[in-house]
PDB file of N, CA and C in Angstrom:
ATOM      1  N   MET A   1     -51.932  11.221  26.876  1.00  0.00           N
ATOM      2  CA  MET A   1     -52.083  10.657  25.552  1.00  0.00           C
ATOM      3  C   MET A   1     -50.863   9.786  25.244  1.00  0.00           C
ATOM      4  N   GLU A   2     -51.130   8.604  24.708  1.00  0.00           N
ATOM      5  CA  GLU A   2     -50.077   7.633  24.437  1.00  0.00           C
ATOM      6  C   GLU A   2     -49.273   8.011  23.192  1.00  0.00           C
ATOM      7  N   GLU A   3     -47.972   7.945  23.321  1.00  0.00           N
ATOM      8  CA  GLU A   3     -47.079   8.178  22.184  1.00  0.00           C
ATOM      9  C   GLU A   3     -46.826   6.854  21.483  1.00  0.00           C
ATOM     10  N   PHE A   4     -46.743   6.901  20.168  1.00  0.00           N
ATOM     11  CA  PHE A   4     -46.446   5.696  19.398  1.00  0.00           C
ATOM     12  C   PHE A   4     -44.947   5.637  19.118  1.00  0.00           C
ATOM     13  N   SER A   5     -44.417   4.431  19.149  1.00  0.00           N
ATOM     14  CA  SER A   5     -42.999   4.256  18.839  1.00  0.00           C
ATOM     15  C   SER A   5     -42.791   4.435  17.340  1.00  0.00           C
ATOM     16  N   GLU A   6     -41.557   4.651  16.963  1.00  0.00           N
ATOM     17  CA  GLU A   6     -41.236   4.780  15.539  1.00  0.00           C
ATOM     18  C   GLU A   6     -41.601   3.509  14.783  1.00  0.00           C
ATOM     19  N   GLU A   7     -41.411   2.377  15.415  1.00  0.00           N
ATOM     20  CA  GLU A   7     -41.764   1.094  14.793  1.00  0.00           C
ATOM     21  C   GLU A   7     -43.272   0.993  14.556  1.00  0.00           C
ATOM     22  N   GLU A   8     -44.059   1.436  15.531  1.00  0.00           N
ATOM     23  CA  GLU A   8     -45.517   1.422  15.388  1.00  0.00           C
ATOM     24  C   GLU A   8     -45.976   2.384  14.292  1.00  0.00           C
ATOM     25  N   LYS A   9     -45.353   3.550  14.225  1.00  0.00           N
ATOM     26  CA  LYS A   9     -45.688   4.523  13.177  1.00  0.00           C
ATOM     27  C   LYS A   9     -45.362   3.967  11.799  1.00  0.00           C
ATOM     28  N   LEU A  10     -44.214   3.322  11.671  1.00  0.00           N
ATOM     29  CA  LEU A  10     -43.813   2.723  10.399  1.00  0.00           C
ATOM     30  C   LEU A  10     -44.793   1.627   9.989  1.00  0.00           C
ATOM     31  N   GLU A  11     -45.206   0.796  10.946  1.00  0.00           N
ATOM     32  CA  GLU A  11     -46.167  -0.264  10.655  1.00  0.00           C
ATOM     33  C   GLU A  11     -47.504   0.312  10.201  1.00  0.00           C
ATOM     34  N   ALA A  12     -47.942   1.393  10.833  1.00  0.00           N
ATOM     35  CA  ALA A  12     -49.191   2.056  10.442  1.00  0.00           C
ATOM     36  C   ALA A  12     -49.084   2.609   9.021  1.00  0.00           C
ATOM     37  N   ARG A  13     -47.940   3.205   8.692  1.00  0.00           N
ATOM     38  CA  ARG A  13     -47.738   3.722   7.322  1.00  0.00           C
ATOM     39  C   ARG A  13     -47.785   2.592   6.302  1.00  0.00           C
ATOM     40  N   LYS A  14     -47.201   1.454   6.633  1.00  0.00           N
ATOM     41  CA  LYS A  14     -47.215   0.305   5.720  1.00  0.00           C
ATOM     42  C   LYS A  14     -48.640  -0.194   5.491  1.00  0.00           C
ATOM     43  N   ILE A  15     -49.435  -0.227   6.545  1.00  0.00           N
ATOM     44  CA  ILE A  15     -50.827  -0.678   6.423  1.00  0.00           C
ATOM     45  C   ILE A  15     -51.619   0.298   5.548  1.00  0.00           C
ATOM     46  N   MET A  16     -51.463   1.600   5.801  1.00  0.00           N
ATOM     47  CA  MET A  16     -52.157   2.601   4.997  1.00  0.00           C
ATOM     48  C   MET A  16     -51.733   2.516   3.534  1.00  0.00           C
ATOM     49  N   ALA A  17     -50.437   2.370   3.302  1.00  0.00           N
ATOM     50  CA  ALA A  17     -49.937   2.275   1.933  1.00  0.00           C
ATOM     51  C   ALA A  17     -50.513   1.057   1.225  1.00  0.00           C
ATOM     52  N   ALA A  18     -50.571  -0.065   1.913  1.00  0.00           N
ATOM     53  CA  ALA A  18     -51.115  -1.284   1.306  1.00  0.00           C
ATOM     54  C   ALA A  18     -52.584  -1.096   0.942  1.00  0.00           C
ATOM     55  N   GLU A  19     -53.345  -0.437   1.804  1.00  0.00           N
ATOM     56  CA  GLU A  19     -54.757  -0.181   1.515  1.00  0.00           C
ATOM     57  C   GLU A  19     -54.904   0.758   0.328  1.00  0.00           C
ATOM     58  N   TRP A  20     -54.169   1.859   0.340  1.00  0.00           N
ATOM     59  CA  TRP A  20     -54.271   2.828  -0.746  1.00  0.00           C
ATOM     60  C   TRP A  20     -53.761   2.240  -2.056  1.00  0.00           C
ATOM     61  N   ASN A  21     -52.705   1.448  -1.979  1.00  0.00           N
ATOM     62  CA  ASN A  21     -52.094   0.906  -3.189  1.00  0.00           C
ATOM     63  C   ASN A  21     -52.831  -0.300  -3.746  1.00  0.00           C
ATOM     64  N   SER A  22     -53.898  -0.722  -3.108  1.00  0.00           N
ATOM     65  CA  SER A  22     -54.679  -1.835  -3.636  1.00  0.00           C
ATOM     66  C   SER A  22     -55.629  -1.384  -4.750  1.00  0.00           C
ATOM     67  N   PHE A  23     -55.744  -0.080  -4.967  1.00  0.00           N
ATOM     68  CA  PHE A  23     -56.622   0.455  -6.004  1.00  0.00           C
ATOM     69  C   PHE A  23     -56.116   0.066  -7.398  1.00  0.00           C
ATOM     70  N   ARG A  24     -57.032  -0.271  -8.282  1.00  0.00           N
ATOM     71  CA  ARG A  24     -56.713  -0.515  -9.691  1.00  0.00           C
ATOM     72  C   ARG A  24     -57.706   0.273 -10.528  1.00  0.00           C
ATOM     73  N   PRO A  25     -57.218   1.034 -11.500  1.00  0.00           N
ATOM     74  CA  PRO A  25     -58.148   1.802 -12.337  1.00  0.00           C
ATOM     75  C   PRO A  25     -58.973   0.870 -13.217  1.00  0.00           C
ATOM     76  N   PRO A  26     -60.161   1.314 -13.600  1.00  0.00           N
ATOM     77  CA  PRO A  26     -60.952   0.507 -14.531  1.00  0.00           C
ATOM     78  C   PRO A  26     -60.155   0.259 -15.820  1.00  0.00           C
ATOM     79  N   VAL A  27     -60.322  -0.906 -16.395  1.00  0.00           N
ATOM     80  CA  VAL A  27     -59.559  -1.301 -17.594  1.00  0.00           C
ATOM     81  C   VAL A  27     -59.688  -0.263 -18.702  1.00  0.00           C
ATOM     82  N   GLU A  28     -60.893   0.223 -18.910  1.00  0.00           N
ATOM     83  CA  GLU A  28     -61.138   1.204 -19.969  1.00  0.00           C
ATOM     84  C   GLU A  28     -60.289   2.467 -19.785  1.00  0.00           C
ATOM     85  N   ILE A  29     -60.213   2.952 -18.567  1.00  0.00           N
ATOM     86  CA  ILE A  29     -59.410   4.151 -18.278  1.00  0.00           C
ATOM     87  C   ILE A  29     -57.929   3.823 -18.374  1.00  0.00           C
ATOM     88  N   ASP A  30     -57.524   2.677 -17.829  1.00  0.00           N
ATOM     89  CA  ASP A  30     -56.121   2.267 -17.862  1.00  0.00           C
ATOM     90  C   ASP A  30     -55.610   2.158 -19.294  1.00  0.00           C
ATOM     91  N   GLN A  31     -56.397   1.553 -20.158  1.00  0.00           N
ATOM     92  CA  GLN A  31     -55.997   1.413 -21.563  1.00  0.00           C
ATOM     93  C   GLN A  31     -55.891   2.769 -22.243  1.00  0.00           C
ATOM     94  N   ARG A  32     -56.815   3.661 -21.931  1.00  0.00           N
ATOM     95  CA  ARG A  32     -56.784   4.996 -22.537  1.00  0.00           C
ATOM     96  C   ARG A  32     -55.564   5.772 -22.057  1.00  0.00           C
ATOM     97  N   ILE A  33     -55.204   5.639 -20.799  1.00  0.00           N
ATOM     98  CA  ILE A  33     -53.995   6.293 -20.280  1.00  0.00           C
ATOM     99  C   ILE A  33     -52.778   5.798 -21.051  1.00  0.00           C
ATOM    100  N   THR A  34     -52.685   4.485 -21.236  1.00  0.00           N
ATOM    101  CA  THR A  34     -51.551   3.910 -21.974  1.00  0.00           C
ATOM    102  C   THR A  34     -51.482   4.471 -23.384  1.00  0.00           C
ATOM    103  N   GLU A  35     -52.620   4.546 -24.064  1.00  0.00           N
ATOM    104  CA  GLU A  35     -52.640   5.108 -25.425  1.00  0.00           C
ATOM    105  C   GLU A  35     -52.107   6.537 -25.437  1.00  0.00           C
ATOM    106  N   LEU A  36     -52.548   7.346 -24.490  1.00  0.00           N
ATOM    107  CA  LEU A  36     -52.129   8.749 -24.457  1.00  0.00           C
ATOM    108  C   LEU A  36     -50.666   8.907 -24.071  1.00  0.00           C
ATOM    109  N   VAL A  37     -50.177   8.027 -23.209  1.00  0.00           N
ATOM    110  CA  VAL A  37     -48.748   8.055 -22.861  1.00  0.00           C
ATOM    111  C   VAL A  37     -47.922   7.741 -24.103  1.00  0.00           C
ATOM    112  N   TRP A  38     -48.349   6.736 -24.869  1.00  0.00           N
ATOM    113  CA  TRP A  38     -47.636   6.380 -26.104  1.00  0.00           C
ATOM    114  C   TRP A  38     -47.666   7.510 -27.120  1.00  0.00           C
ATOM    115  N   GLU A  39     -48.715   8.329 -27.059  1.00  0.00           N
ATOM    116  CA  GLU A  39     -48.821   9.482 -27.953  1.00  0.00           C
ATOM    117  C   GLU A  39     -48.085  10.702 -27.390  1.00  0.00           C
ATOM    118  N   HIS A  40     -47.368  10.507 -26.300  1.00  0.00           N
ATOM    119  CA  HIS A  40     -46.524  11.523 -25.669  1.00  0.00           C
ATOM    120  C   HIS A  40     -47.295  12.700 -25.072  1.00  0.00           C
ATOM    121  N   PHE A  41     -48.511  12.438 -24.586  1.00  0.00           N
ATOM    122  CA  PHE A  41     -49.240  13.468 -23.852  1.00  0.00           C
ATOM    123  C   PHE A  41     -48.615  13.595 -22.467  1.00  0.00           C
ATOM    124  N   SER A  42     -48.601  14.806 -21.921  1.00  0.00           N
ATOM    125  CA  SER A  42     -48.094  15.003 -20.562  1.00  0.00           C
ATOM    126  C   SER A  42     -49.142  14.500 -19.563  1.00  0.00           C
ATOM    127  N   GLU A  43     -48.716  14.281 -18.339  1.00  0.00           N
ATOM    128  CA  GLU A  43     -49.645  13.830 -17.297  1.00  0.00           C
ATOM    129  C   GLU A  43     -50.808  14.813 -17.157  1.00  0.00           C
ATOM    130  N   GLU A  44     -50.498  16.105 -17.155  1.00  0.00           N
ATOM    131  CA  GLU A  44     -51.535  17.117 -16.999  1.00  0.00           C
ATOM    132  C   GLU A  44     -52.557  17.056 -18.133  1.00  0.00           C
ATOM    133  N   LYS A  45     -52.080  16.887 -19.366  1.00  0.00           N
ATOM    134  CA  LYS A  45     -52.990  16.817 -20.512  1.00  0.00           C
ATOM    135  C   LYS A  45     -53.814  15.532 -20.488  1.00  0.00           C
ATOM    136  N   ILE A  46     -53.202  14.450 -20.045  1.00  0.00           N
ATOM    137  CA  ILE A  46     -53.936  13.177 -19.931  1.00  0.00           C
ATOM    138  C   ILE A  46     -55.066  13.332 -18.916  1.00  0.00           C
ATOM    139  N   ILE A  47     -54.767  13.913 -17.779  1.00  0.00           N
ATOM    140  CA  ILE A  47     -55.780  14.082 -16.734  1.00  0.00           C
ATOM    141  C   ILE A  47     -56.915  14.972 -17.233  1.00  0.00           C
ATOM    142  N   LYS A  48     -56.576  16.060 -17.897  1.00  0.00           N
ATOM    143  CA  LYS A  48     -57.609  16.963 -18.421  1.00  0.00           C
ATOM    144  C   LYS A  48     -58.463  16.259 -19.473  1.00  0.00           C
ATOM    145  N   LYS A  49     -57.805  15.591 -20.409  1.00  0.00           N
ATOM    146  CA  LYS A  49     -58.512  14.920 -21.502  1.00  0.00           C
ATOM    147  C   LYS A  49     -59.436  13.811 -20.976  1.00  0.00           C
ATOM    148  N   LEU A  50     -58.928  12.990 -20.073  1.00  0.00           N
ATOM    149  CA  LEU A  50     -59.731  11.882 -19.568  1.00  0.00           C
ATOM    150  C   LEU A  50     -60.833  12.339 -18.615  1.00  0.00           C
ATOM    151  N   SER A  51     -60.612  13.437 -17.925  1.00  0.00           N
ATOM    152  CA  SER A  51     -61.674  13.997 -17.089  1.00  0.00           C
ATOM    153  C   SER A  51     -62.873  14.351 -17.963  1.00  0.00           C
ATOM    154  N   GLU A  52     -62.581  14.894 -19.138  1.00  0.00           N
ATOM    155  CA  GLU A  52     -63.650  15.242 -20.076  1.00  0.00           C
ATOM    156  C   GLU A  52     -64.257  13.992 -20.710  1.00  0.00           C
ATOM    157  N   GLU A  53     -63.416  13.087 -21.199  1.00  0.00           N
ATOM    158  CA  GLU A  53     -63.893  11.885 -21.888  1.00  0.00           C
ATOM    159  C   GLU A  53     -64.763  11.013 -20.997  1.00  0.00           C
ATOM    160  N   PHE A  54     -64.376  10.851 -19.740  1.00  0.00           N
ATOM    161  CA  PHE A  54     -65.086   9.955 -18.834  1.00  0.00           C
ATOM    162  C   PHE A  54     -66.009  10.700 -17.867  1.00  0.00           C
ATOM    163  N   GLU A  55     -66.120  12.022 -18.064  1.00  0.00           N
ATOM    164  CA  GLU A  55     -66.951  12.854 -17.192  1.00  0.00           C
ATOM    165  C   GLU A  55     -66.642  12.572 -15.723  1.00  0.00           C
ATOM    166  N   ALA A  56     -65.361  12.655 -15.416  1.00  0.00           N
ATOM    167  CA  ALA A  56     -64.872  12.348 -14.073  1.00  0.00           C
ATOM    168  C   ALA A  56     -64.145  13.553 -13.497  1.00  0.00           C
ATOM    169  N   LYS A  57     -64.110  13.618 -12.183  1.00  0.00           N
ATOM    170  CA  LYS A  57     -63.342  14.676 -11.537  1.00  0.00           C
ATOM    171  C   LYS A  57     -61.855  14.392 -11.724  1.00  0.00           C
ATOM    172  N   SER A  58     -61.087  15.445 -11.810  1.00  0.00           N
ATOM    173  CA  SER A  58     -59.652  15.283 -12.069  1.00  0.00           C
ATOM    174  C   SER A  58     -58.944  14.508 -10.964  1.00  0.00           C
ATOM    175  N   CYS A  59     -59.427  14.602  -9.710  1.00  0.00           N
ATOM    176  CA  CYS A  59     -58.768  13.865  -8.621  1.00  0.00           C
ATOM    177  C   CYS A  59     -58.861  12.357  -8.861  1.00  0.00           C
ATOM    178  N   TYR A  60     -59.998  11.900  -9.387  1.00  0.00           N
ATOM    179  CA  TYR A  60     -60.170  10.469  -9.668  1.00  0.00           C
ATOM    180  C   TYR A  60     -59.276  10.041 -10.834  1.00  0.00           C
ATOM    181  N   ILE A  61     -59.227  10.833 -11.881  1.00  0.00           N
ATOM    182  CA  ILE A  61     -58.370  10.498 -13.032  1.00  0.00           C
ATOM    183  C   ILE A  61     -56.904  10.542 -12.631  1.00  0.00           C
ATOM    184  N   GLN A  62     -56.544  11.474 -11.780  1.00  0.00           N
ATOM    185  CA  GLN A  62     -55.160  11.547 -11.289  1.00  0.00           C
ATOM    186  C   GLN A  62     -54.812  10.274 -10.518  1.00  0.00           C
ATOM    187  N   LYS A  63     -55.748   9.816  -9.706  1.00  0.00           N
ATOM    188  CA  LYS A  63     -55.545   8.562  -8.969  1.00  0.00           C
ATOM    189  C   LYS A  63     -55.399   7.395  -9.952  1.00  0.00           C
ATOM    190  N   CYS A  64     -56.251   7.353 -10.973  1.00  0.00           N
ATOM    191  CA  CYS A  64     -56.159   6.304 -11.999  1.00  0.00           C
ATOM    192  C   CYS A  64     -54.806   6.363 -12.706  1.00  0.00           C
ATOM    193  N   PHE A  65     -54.347   7.579 -13.013  1.00  0.00           N
ATOM    194  CA  PHE A  65     -53.049   7.727 -13.682  1.00  0.00           C
ATOM    195  C   PHE A  65     -51.939   7.159 -12.801  1.00  0.00           C
ATOM    196  N   TRP A  66     -51.950   7.511 -11.527  1.00  0.00           N
ATOM    197  CA  TRP A  66     -50.902   7.056 -10.607  1.00  0.00           C
ATOM    198  C   TRP A  66     -50.817   5.530 -10.575  1.00  0.00           C
ATOM    199  N   PHE A  67     -51.984   4.855 -10.586  1.00  0.00           N
ATOM    200  CA  PHE A  67     -52.012   3.405 -10.475  1.00  0.00           C
ATOM    201  C   PHE A  67     -52.105   2.687 -11.827  1.00  0.00           C
ATOM    202  N   SER A  68     -51.967   3.421 -12.916  1.00  0.00           N
ATOM    203  CA  SER A  68     -52.060   2.819 -14.246  1.00  0.00           C
ATOM    204  C   SER A  68     -50.825   1.977 -14.573  1.00  0.00           C
ATOM    205  N   GLU A  69     -51.012   1.057 -15.509  1.00  0.00           N
ATOM    206  CA  GLU A  69     -49.889   0.238 -15.987  1.00  0.00           C
ATOM    207  C   GLU A  69     -48.800   1.127 -16.571  1.00  0.00           C
ATOM    208  N   ALA A  70     -49.204   2.184 -17.269  1.00  0.00           N
ATOM    209  CA  ALA A  70     -48.240   3.076 -17.920  1.00  0.00           C
ATOM    210  C   ALA A  70     -47.346   3.801 -16.913  1.00  0.00           C
ATOM    211  N   ASN A  71     -47.791   3.905 -15.670  1.00  0.00           N
ATOM    212  CA  ASN A  71     -47.046   4.629 -14.644  1.00  0.00           C
ATOM    213  C   ASN A  71     -46.366   3.685 -13.645  1.00  0.00           C
ATOM    214  N   THR A  72     -46.328   2.416 -13.946  1.00  0.00           N
ATOM    215  CA  THR A  72     -45.806   1.417 -13.005  1.00  0.00           C
ATOM    216  C   THR A  72     -44.371   1.713 -12.579  1.00  0.00           C
ATOM    217  N   LEU A  73     -43.494   2.003 -13.520  1.00  0.00           N
ATOM    218  CA  LEU A  73     -42.084   2.232 -13.189  1.00  0.00           C
ATOM    219  C   LEU A  73     -41.931   3.431 -12.254  1.00  0.00           C
ATOM    220  N   THR A  74     -42.565   4.540 -12.590  1.00  0.00           N
ATOM    221  CA  THR A  74     -42.482   5.733 -11.740  1.00  0.00           C
ATOM    222  C   THR A  74     -43.050   5.450 -10.358  1.00  0.00           C
ATOM    223  N   ARG A  75     -44.199   4.767 -10.312  1.00  0.00           N
ATOM    224  CA  ARG A  75     -44.831   4.452  -9.026  1.00  0.00           C
ATOM    225  C   ARG A  75     -43.907   3.592  -8.164  1.00  0.00           C
ATOM    226  N   ARG A  76     -43.285   2.592  -8.762  1.00  0.00           N
ATOM    227  CA  ARG A  76     -42.376   1.719  -7.987  1.00  0.00           C
ATOM    228  C   ARG A  76     -41.159   2.476  -7.482  1.00  0.00           C
ATOM    229  N   GLU A  77     -40.639   3.392  -8.302  1.00  0.00           N
ATOM    230  CA  GLU A  77     -39.498   4.207  -7.863  1.00  0.00           C
ATOM    231  C   GLU A  77     -39.893   5.080  -6.676  1.00  0.00           C
ATOM    232  N   GLU A  78     -41.079   5.683  -6.751  1.00  0.00           N
ATOM    233  CA  GLU A  78     -41.554   6.527  -5.652  1.00  0.00           C
ATOM    234  C   GLU A  78     -41.820   5.694  -4.394  1.00  0.00           C
ATOM    235  N   GLU A  79     -42.425   4.538  -4.566  1.00  0.00           N
ATOM    236  CA  GLU A  79     -42.703   3.673  -3.420  1.00  0.00           C
ATOM    237  C   GLU A  79     -41.414   3.205  -2.759  1.00  0.00           C
ATOM    238  N   ALA A  80     -40.373   2.976  -3.557  1.00  0.00           N
ATOM    239  CA  ALA A  80     -39.082   2.558  -2.998  1.00  0.00           C
ATOM    240  C   ALA A  80     -38.496   3.651  -2.107  1.00  0.00           C
ATOM    241  N   ARG A  81     -38.868   4.897  -2.392  1.00  0.00           N
ATOM    242  CA  ARG A  81     -38.415   6.019  -1.565  1.00  0.00           C
ATOM    243  C   ARG A  81     -39.332   6.251  -0.368  1.00  0.00           C
ATOM    244  N   GLY A  82     -40.383   5.427  -0.261  1.00  0.00           N
ATOM    245  CA  GLY A  82     -41.299   5.554   0.865  1.00  0.00           C
ATOM    246  C   GLY A  82     -42.545   6.368   0.569  1.00  0.00           C
ATOM    247  N   ALA A  83     -42.723   6.788  -0.691  1.00  0.00           N
ATOM    248  CA  ALA A  83     -43.909   7.567  -1.051  1.00  0.00           C
ATOM    249  C   ALA A  83     -45.053   6.634  -1.405  1.00  0.00           C
ATOM    250  N   PHE A  84     -46.247   7.054  -1.083  1.00  0.00           N
ATOM    251  CA  PHE A  84     -47.423   6.340  -1.530  1.00  0.00           C
ATOM    252  C   PHE A  84     -48.513   7.363  -1.801  1.00  0.00           C
ATOM    253  N   TYR A  85     -49.469   6.973  -2.609  1.00  0.00           N
ATOM    254  CA  TYR A  85     -50.504   7.895  -3.057  1.00  0.00           C
ATOM    255  C   TYR A  85     -51.485   8.190  -1.942  1.00  0.00           C
ATOM    256  N   GLN A  86     -51.713   9.457  -1.692  1.00  0.00           N
ATOM    257  CA  GLN A  86     -52.675   9.869  -0.672  1.00  0.00           C
ATOM    258  C   GLN A  86     -53.898  10.457  -1.370  1.00  0.00           C
ATOM    259  N   ILE A  87     -55.054   9.953  -1.020  1.00  0.00           N
ATOM    260  CA  ILE A  87     -56.277  10.353  -1.702  1.00  0.00           C
ATOM    261  C   ILE A  87     -57.179  11.186  -0.798  1.00  0.00           C
ATOM    262  N   THR A  88     -56.592  12.074  -0.059  1.00  0.00           N
ATOM    263  CA  THR A  88     -57.359  12.814   0.930  1.00  0.00           C
ATOM    264  C   THR A  88     -58.483  13.632   0.321  1.00  0.00           C
ATOM    265  N   LYS A  89     -58.329  14.125  -0.893  1.00  0.00           N
ATOM    266  CA  LYS A  89     -59.375  14.974  -1.469  1.00  0.00           C
ATOM    267  C   LYS A  89     -60.251  14.233  -2.473  1.00  0.00           C
ATOM    268  N   CYS A  90     -59.995  12.976  -2.729  1.00  0.00           N
ATOM    269  CA  CYS A  90     -60.778  12.195  -3.684  1.00  0.00           C
ATOM    270  C   CYS A  90     -61.670  11.236  -2.908  1.00  0.00           C
ATOM    271  N   HIS A  91     -62.965  11.351  -3.146  1.00  0.00           N
ATOM    272  CA  HIS A  91     -63.937  10.556  -2.398  1.00  0.00           C
ATOM    273  C   HIS A  91     -64.770   9.701  -3.344  1.00  0.00           C
ATOM    274  N   GLU A  92     -65.583   8.834  -2.794  1.00  0.00           N
ATOM    275  CA  GLU A  92     -66.446   7.955  -3.584  1.00  0.00           C
ATOM    276  C   GLU A  92     -67.304   8.754  -4.560  1.00  0.00           C
ATOM    277  N   THR A  93     -67.744   9.931  -4.163  1.00  0.00           N
ATOM    278  CA  THR A  93     -68.588  10.745  -5.037  1.00  0.00           C
ATOM    279  C   THR A  93     -67.834  11.282  -6.246  1.00  0.00           C
ATOM    280  N   CYS A  94     -66.514  11.235  -6.224  1.00  0.00           N
ATOM    281  CA  CYS A  94     -65.700  11.690  -7.350  1.00  0.00           C
ATOM    282  C   CYS A  94     -65.634  10.643  -8.468  1.00  0.00           C
ATOM    283  N   VAL A  95     -65.992   9.408  -8.141  1.00  0.00           N
ATOM    284  CA  VAL A  95     -65.923   8.301  -9.095  1.00  0.00           C
ATOM    285  C   VAL A  95     -67.182   8.329  -9.970  1.00  0.00           C
ATOM    286  N   PRO A  96     -67.017   8.332 -11.287  1.00  0.00           N
ATOM    287  CA  PRO A  96     -68.196   8.291 -12.162  1.00  0.00           C
ATOM    288  C   PRO A  96     -69.047   7.057 -11.836  1.00  0.00           C
ATOM    289  N   ARG A  97     -70.351   7.216 -11.869  1.00  0.00           N
ATOM    290  CA  ARG A  97     -71.271   6.145 -11.495  1.00  0.00           C
ATOM    291  C   ARG A  97     -70.961   4.815 -12.179  1.00  0.00           C
ATOM    292  N   ARG A  98     -70.613   4.866 -13.458  1.00  0.00           N
ATOM    293  CA  ARG A  98     -70.398   3.613 -14.192  1.00  0.00           C
ATOM    294  C   ARG A  98     -69.179   2.837 -13.703  1.00  0.00           C
ATOM    295  N   PHE A  99     -68.304   3.498 -12.937  1.00  0.00           N
ATOM    296  CA  PHE A  99     -67.106   2.825 -12.432  1.00  0.00           C
ATOM    297  C   PHE A  99     -67.186   2.502 -10.942  1.00  0.00           C
ATOM    298  N   ARG A 100     -68.277   2.833 -10.303  1.00  0.00           N
ATOM    299  CA  ARG A 100     -68.423   2.515  -8.873  1.00  0.00           C
ATOM    300  C   ARG A 100     -68.636   1.026  -8.710  1.00  0.00           C
ATOM    301  N   ASN A 101     -68.019   0.481  -7.679  1.00  0.00           N
ATOM    302  CA  ASN A 101     -68.131  -0.956  -7.363  1.00  0.00           C
ATOM    303  C   ASN A 101     -67.637  -1.839  -8.502  1.00  0.00           C
ATOM    304  N   VAL A 102     -66.622  -1.365  -9.229  1.00  0.00           N
ATOM    305  CA  VAL A 102     -66.034  -2.178 -10.313  1.00  0.00           C
ATOM    306  C   VAL A 102     -64.768  -2.814  -9.808  1.00  0.00           C
TER     307      VAL A 102
END
């Protein structure tokens, strides 16, 4: 079995990160996240509240929160450290029908 060099592994991580980080939450959800952040709701409460409001699974709302405008600074700080969002447990079926293919 072929071993990958550290350079090849790093390049693969960059490609995966670019693909995962291309996600943008629907405008309606993004705006609602911003409103709740301004109202000083915690991330956990925002995810719970929006899961109910949009009838969505929490994994999808968590993904929307991570990529929301309100979370831009935190996301950039994490990305600068080499972190990127992994959506291993969130699938297409987790997305509410009205937001699929948006």
